[in-house]
Amino acid sequence: MNSSSSGGSTSAASGADTPTVLVLGCGWLGMALARSLAASKYRVLGTTTTPEQIPTMEAAGIESHLLRLGSDFGSPADALLKRLLHAADVLVLNVPPRASSAGAYPSLLRPVHRAVAAAGTKHVIFVSSTSVYPDEPRTMRESDALSTRDAASDVLRAEGHFVPRYGQWKSTVVRLGGLIGPERAPGRFLAGRRDLANGNAPVNLLHLTDAVGVLSAIIEHDAWGHTFNVCAAQHPLRREFYPAAAQYLKLESPSFKEEAGLSGKIVDSSLVRSILPYKFQHDDVLMALEHC
C-alpha cells in the first residue's frame, strides 16, 4: 500500500509560526494525537496502513497518506516518505514493534532513519515504551535504560537510531506506560482469568488524554533533547487495580496467586513533570476508569 491520498480542502490551516507535524502511524494513539493537533490549527500529515481510515483522517483535517513499512517497502514508498518529511517540521514516529523475530523492529524502522537523514528533518519524537526497563522491584528512571544502537533490547536499539550522534536533528524519546482510555478499557484486559501471577506488582499505566497532552506539549514548547518516562503518578498493585477495573464494567474479576513480597517495577515520571508545563489529567488510574 504505497499509494497516497491527500486531505485537500479539509486540512487545518497553520499559522506562520506553527510547525507542520507528520504523524507516522495513525493508529489508536496516533490518530488521537493527529486529530488534537489539527483541531489546534497545526498542519498535520498522517500515515496509515488502512485505506478505510482515510475518510476519517480527512474529516478531521489530517492530510492522509497510505504507507506501510516492512519487507515490501520499495522506491515509491521511500519517495513518498521523503516527500512527507520534506514538508514537515516535526516527525512523530509512532510505529509500535510487532511480535516477530529478534532484530526485526530496528530493521523495520531503518528506512525511516535513512529518510529522516536524507530529508534534513529538524525534529523527531520517538514514541517508545516503559517495557524497555527490566521487570525488577525497584523504581525505574530514564537513565536505567540507555538507547544505544547496540543495546540488547530491540526497542532500545530502535530508539538509538533516532538519537542523533552528530546533531543532524533534535529528538525526544517518550517512553509511555501501558495505554488505557476509550476503546481500551483495562477492565477487559484480565477479566475472568484465574490464579494470575505478579499480583503484588504495581501498574504503570497512562490515559490516552495524557499521552496526547504530553506529546503535544513537547511540540508546543520545543522540549527537545530529552528522554521522558510518561505514566500516571499512582501505581496501585495489579491485585487491586484489575479486579476494580473489571467490576467497573460489571465483568468477572480476575484472581491472583498468593505471593510474598512486592514484585515489579515502578516507573518514575517526575522528569517530564519538572520540564513540561503540562498538568496530567488522570494521575489516579482508579478514578480514570470512568474515562475509559
Protein backbone atom coordinates (compact mmCIF):
# COMPACT_ATOMS: atom_id res chain seq x y z
CA MET A 1 0.00 0.00 0.00
CA ASN A 2 2.32 2.69 -1.24
CA SER A 3 -0.23 4.97 -2.90
CA SER A 4 -1.33 8.19 -1.24
CA SER A 5 -4.44 10.32 -0.83
CA SER A 6 -4.37 13.92 0.31
CA GLY A 7 -6.95 15.59 2.50
CA GLY A 8 -7.16 18.66 0.24
CA SER A 9 -9.53 21.37 1.45
CA THR A 10 -10.14 19.68 4.81
CA SER A 11 -6.59 20.43 6.01
CA ALA A 12 -6.22 22.58 9.09
CA ALA A 13 -4.72 25.96 8.36
CA SER A 14 -1.37 26.59 10.04
CA GLY A 15 -0.03 29.91 11.22
CA ALA A 16 3.32 31.30 10.21
CA ASP A 17 4.97 30.06 13.40
CA THR A 18 3.05 26.80 13.72
CA PRO A 19 5.10 23.74 12.75
CA THR A 20 3.82 21.16 10.31
CA VAL A 21 3.67 17.77 12.02
CA LEU A 22 3.94 14.36 10.37
CA VAL A 23 2.39 11.58 12.48
CA LEU A 24 3.86 8.37 11.11
CA GLY A 25 1.40 5.74 12.30
CA CYS A 26 -2.17 6.97 12.87
CA GLY A 27 -3.41 4.07 14.95
CA TRP A 28 -5.29 4.47 18.22
CA LEU A 29 -2.79 6.87 19.79
CA GLY A 30 -1.50 8.43 16.57
CA MET A 31 -4.99 9.25 15.35
CA ALA A 32 -5.93 10.86 18.67
CA LEU A 33 -2.77 12.97 18.56
CA ALA A 34 -3.21 13.96 14.91
CA ARG A 35 -6.85 14.88 15.49
CA SER A 36 -5.92 17.01 18.53
CA LEU A 37 -3.12 18.81 16.68
CA ALA A 38 -5.35 19.50 13.67
CA ALA A 39 -8.03 20.91 15.97
CA SER A 40 -5.34 23.23 17.39
CA LYS A 41 -4.66 24.58 13.87
CA TYR A 42 -1.47 22.70 13.14
CA ARG A 43 -0.98 21.44 9.63
CA VAL A 44 -0.95 17.68 10.17
CA LEU A 45 0.22 14.98 7.79
CA GLY A 46 -0.65 11.43 8.78
CA THR A 47 0.05 7.92 7.54
CA THR A 48 -1.98 4.77 7.89
CA THR A 49 -1.77 1.23 6.56
CA THR A 50 -5.58 1.00 6.39
CA PRO A 51 -7.40 2.51 3.39
CA GLU A 52 -10.66 2.58 5.36
CA GLN A 53 -9.05 5.04 7.79
CA ILE A 54 -8.51 7.69 5.08
CA PRO A 55 -12.00 9.29 5.18
CA THR A 56 -11.90 9.54 8.99
CA MET A 57 -8.50 11.22 8.87
CA GLU A 58 -9.55 13.64 6.13
CA ALA A 59 -12.73 14.57 8.00
CA ALA A 60 -10.53 15.51 10.98
CA GLY A 61 -8.40 17.83 8.85
CA ILE A 62 -5.44 15.45 8.53
CA GLU A 63 -3.67 15.21 5.17
CA SER A 64 -3.75 11.43 4.86
CA HIS A 65 -1.42 9.01 3.09
CA LEU A 66 -1.16 5.24 2.79
CA LEU A 67 2.27 4.00 3.83
CA ARG A 68 3.37 0.58 5.03
CA LEU A 69 6.80 -0.25 6.41
CA GLY A 70 8.15 -3.77 6.06
CA SER A 71 9.55 -6.19 3.52
CA ASP A 72 7.57 -4.66 0.64
CA PHE A 73 8.82 -1.13 1.34
CA GLY A 74 10.16 -0.03 -2.05
CA SER A 75 11.10 3.03 -4.05
CA PRO A 76 7.58 4.52 -4.34
CA ALA A 77 7.08 4.31 -0.57
CA ASP A 78 10.55 5.73 0.05
CA ALA A 79 9.83 8.67 -2.27
CA LEU A 80 6.51 9.34 -0.51
CA LEU A 81 8.12 9.20 2.92
CA LYS A 82 10.86 11.63 1.91
CA ARG A 83 8.30 13.98 0.39
CA LEU A 84 6.29 13.97 3.62
CA LEU A 85 9.41 14.56 5.70
CA HIS A 86 10.47 17.47 3.49
CA ALA A 87 7.06 19.05 4.14
CA ALA A 88 7.16 18.54 7.92
CA ASP A 89 8.96 20.37 10.71
CA VAL A 90 8.30 17.61 13.28
CA LEU A 91 8.10 13.84 12.83
CA VAL A 92 6.17 11.88 15.45
CA LEU A 93 7.30 8.28 14.91
CA ASN A 94 4.55 6.12 16.36
CA VAL A 95 5.12 2.65 14.90
CA PRO A 96 5.00 0.03 17.68
CA PRO A 97 7.06 -3.16 17.48
CA ARG A 98 5.38 -6.25 16.12
CA ALA A 99 5.63 -9.73 17.56
CA SER A 100 8.38 -11.08 15.38
CA SER A 101 11.95 -12.30 15.35
CA ALA A 102 14.76 -10.60 17.24
CA GLY A 103 16.16 -7.58 15.45
CA ALA A 104 13.05 -7.05 13.31
CA TYR A 105 11.98 -3.77 14.91
CA PRO A 106 15.19 -1.79 14.25
CA SER A 107 15.19 -3.21 10.71
CA LEU A 108 11.56 -2.13 10.23
CA LEU A 109 12.43 1.46 11.15
CA ARG A 110 15.76 1.66 9.32
CA PRO A 111 14.21 3.14 6.14
CA VAL A 112 12.65 5.88 8.29
CA HIS A 113 16.03 6.65 9.83
CA ARG A 114 17.62 6.92 6.40
CA ALA A 115 14.78 9.12 5.11
CA VAL A 116 15.00 11.43 8.13
CA ALA A 117 18.70 11.92 7.48
CA ALA A 118 18.18 12.46 3.75
CA ALA A 119 15.28 14.89 4.19
CA GLY A 120 17.03 17.06 6.76
CA THR A 121 14.19 16.63 9.25
CA LYS A 122 14.50 19.13 12.09
CA HIS A 123 12.73 17.43 15.00
CA VAL A 124 11.77 13.85 15.86
CA ILE A 125 9.60 12.44 18.65
CA PHE A 126 10.16 8.70 19.03
CA VAL A 127 7.20 7.05 20.78
CA SER A 128 8.64 4.23 22.86
CA SER A 129 7.54 2.17 25.85
CA THR A 130 8.36 1.64 29.52
CA SER A 131 8.78 -2.04 28.59
CA VAL A 132 12.45 -1.18 27.97
CA TYR A 133 13.05 -1.40 31.74
CA PRO A 134 13.80 -4.69 33.49
CA ASP A 135 10.95 -6.17 35.49
CA GLU A 136 12.62 -5.71 38.87
CA PRO A 137 11.05 -4.49 42.14
CA ARG A 138 12.54 -1.00 42.11
CA THR A 139 11.95 2.47 40.77
CA MET A 140 12.96 2.96 37.15
CA ARG A 141 14.19 6.31 35.88
CA GLU A 142 15.21 7.27 32.36
CA SER A 143 18.88 6.53 32.99
CA ASP A 144 18.08 2.88 33.83
CA ALA A 145 17.77 2.03 30.12
CA LEU A 146 20.08 3.62 27.56
CA SER A 147 19.00 3.97 23.93
CA THR A 148 22.11 2.96 22.02
CA ARG A 149 22.36 1.37 18.59
CA ASP A 150 23.96 -1.74 20.08
CA ALA A 151 21.64 -2.20 23.11
CA ALA A 152 20.35 -5.67 23.92
CA SER A 153 16.68 -4.60 23.56
CA ASP A 154 15.19 -4.18 20.08
CA VAL A 155 13.22 -1.15 21.27
CA LEU A 156 16.29 0.49 22.79
CA ARG A 157 18.23 -0.11 19.58
CA ALA A 158 15.40 1.47 17.59
CA GLU A 159 15.40 4.45 19.95
CA GLY A 160 19.14 4.74 19.34
CA HIS A 161 18.60 5.16 15.61
CA PHE A 162 16.73 8.39 16.29
CA VAL A 163 19.03 9.87 18.93
CA PRO A 164 21.38 11.79 16.60
CA ARG A 165 25.10 11.36 17.11
CA TYR A 166 26.18 14.33 15.04
CA GLY A 167 23.43 16.85 15.69
CA GLN A 168 21.61 16.16 12.41
CA TRP A 169 18.25 16.77 14.11
CA LYS A 170 16.78 17.31 17.57
CA SER A 171 14.88 14.43 19.09
CA THR A 172 12.97 13.46 22.21
CA VAL A 173 12.22 9.86 23.20
CA VAL A 174 8.91 9.32 25.01
CA ARG A 175 8.56 6.05 26.93
CA LEU A 176 4.84 5.60 27.53
CA GLY A 177 3.25 3.46 30.21
CA GLY A 178 0.54 0.96 29.32
CA LEU A 179 -2.16 2.91 27.49
CA ILE A 180 -5.77 2.96 28.64
CA GLY A 181 -8.71 5.04 27.53
CA PRO A 182 -11.75 4.93 25.24
CA GLU A 183 -11.88 1.59 23.39
CA ARG A 184 -9.09 0.32 25.63
CA ALA A 185 -10.81 -0.22 28.97
CA PRO A 186 -8.42 -2.03 31.35
CA GLY A 187 -11.30 -3.95 32.93
CA ARG A 188 -11.31 -6.19 29.86
CA PHE A 189 -7.58 -6.98 29.97
CA LEU A 190 -7.69 -9.73 32.62
CA ALA A 191 -11.41 -10.21 33.33
CA GLY A 192 -12.31 -13.71 34.49
CA ARG A 193 -8.78 -15.08 34.48
CA ARG A 194 -7.73 -17.18 37.47
CA ASP A 195 -4.56 -17.63 39.55
CA LEU A 196 -2.59 -14.91 37.82
CA ALA A 197 1.00 -14.24 38.85
CA ASN A 198 2.55 -10.93 39.91
CA GLY A 199 -0.43 -9.63 41.81
CA ASN A 200 1.96 -7.64 44.01
CA ALA A 201 3.45 -5.77 41.05
CA PRO A 202 2.47 -2.10 40.63
CA VAL A 203 0.77 -0.97 37.43
CA ASN A 204 2.42 1.65 35.22
CA LEU A 205 -0.46 2.99 33.17
CA LEU A 206 -1.24 6.12 31.16
CA HIS A 207 -4.54 7.51 29.94
CA LEU A 208 -4.80 8.43 26.27
CA THR A 209 -5.61 12.04 27.17
CA ASP A 210 -2.29 12.42 28.98
CA ALA A 211 -0.32 10.67 26.23
CA VAL A 212 -1.71 13.14 23.70
CA GLY A 213 -1.21 16.03 26.11
CA VAL A 214 2.47 15.29 26.71
CA LEU A 215 3.27 14.70 23.03
CA SER A 216 1.52 17.94 22.10
CA ALA A 217 3.32 19.86 24.86
CA ILE A 218 6.72 18.66 23.61
CA ILE A 219 5.95 20.15 20.20
CA GLU A 220 4.40 23.33 21.57
CA HIS A 221 7.24 24.07 24.00
CA ASP A 222 10.18 22.81 21.88
CA ALA A 223 11.20 20.27 24.53
CA TRP A 224 13.95 18.57 22.54
CA GLY A 225 16.95 16.57 23.62
CA HIS A 226 15.20 14.55 26.34
CA THR A 227 14.14 11.02 27.18
CA PHE A 228 10.90 11.05 29.18
CA ASN A 229 9.04 8.41 31.13
CA VAL A 230 5.33 9.19 30.85
CA CYS A 231 2.83 7.44 33.10
CA ALA A 232 0.32 8.17 35.83
CA ALA A 233 1.73 9.14 39.22
CA GLN A 234 -0.20 6.49 41.14
CA HIS A 235 0.75 2.81 40.92
CA PRO A 236 -1.79 0.53 42.63
CA LEU A 237 -0.96 -3.17 42.73
CA ARG A 238 -2.27 -5.42 39.99
CA ARG A 239 -4.33 -7.39 42.53
CA GLU A 240 -6.05 -4.11 43.50
CA PHE A 241 -6.42 -2.45 40.13
CA TYR A 242 -7.59 -5.16 37.75
CA PRO A 243 -10.45 -6.53 39.92
CA ALA A 244 -11.67 -2.95 40.40
CA ALA A 245 -11.41 -2.31 36.67
CA ALA A 246 -13.37 -5.47 35.84
CA GLN A 247 -16.03 -4.68 38.44
CA TYR A 248 -16.46 -1.21 36.96
CA LEU A 249 -17.53 -2.90 33.70
CA LYS A 250 -19.59 -5.49 35.59
CA LEU A 251 -17.28 -8.25 34.39
CA GLU A 252 -15.92 -11.19 36.36
CA SER A 253 -12.94 -10.15 38.47
CA PRO A 254 -9.60 -11.84 37.88
CA SER A 255 -7.91 -13.65 40.75
CA PHE A 256 -4.23 -13.66 41.68
CA LYS A 257 -1.99 -16.20 43.37
CA GLU A 258 -0.91 -15.56 46.94
CA GLU A 259 2.67 -14.34 46.73
CA ALA A 260 5.02 -12.92 49.32
CA GLY A 261 6.64 -9.53 48.90
CA LEU A 262 6.41 -6.89 46.21
CA SER A 263 7.36 -7.59 42.63
CA GLY A 264 7.67 -5.48 39.53
CA LYS A 265 8.94 -2.02 38.69
CA ILE A 266 7.58 1.42 39.40
CA VAL A 267 8.23 3.82 36.52
CA ASP A 268 9.13 7.29 37.73
CA SER A 269 7.72 10.13 35.61
CA SER A 270 8.99 13.05 37.66
CA LEU A 271 11.38 14.30 34.97
CA VAL A 272 8.71 15.09 32.39
CA ARG A 273 6.66 16.80 35.09
CA SER A 274 9.59 19.00 36.07
CA ILE A 275 10.30 20.13 32.49
CA LEU A 276 6.97 20.34 30.66
CA PRO A 277 4.24 22.79 31.72
CA TYR A 278 1.59 20.09 31.30
CA LYS A 279 -0.84 19.08 34.05
CA PHE A 280 -1.74 15.39 33.99
CA GLN A 281 -5.49 14.80 33.92
CA HIS A 282 -5.58 11.16 35.11
CA ASP A 283 -2.87 10.55 37.70
CA ASP A 284 -5.29 8.41 39.74
CA VAL A 285 -5.78 5.42 37.46
CA LEU A 286 -8.65 4.05 39.53
CA MET A 287 -10.54 7.32 39.08
CA ALA A 288 -9.62 7.20 35.38
CA LEU A 289 -11.75 4.06 34.89
CA GLU A 290 -14.83 6.20 34.26
CA HIS A 291 -12.99 7.82 31.37
CA CYS A 292 -12.18 4.54 29.60
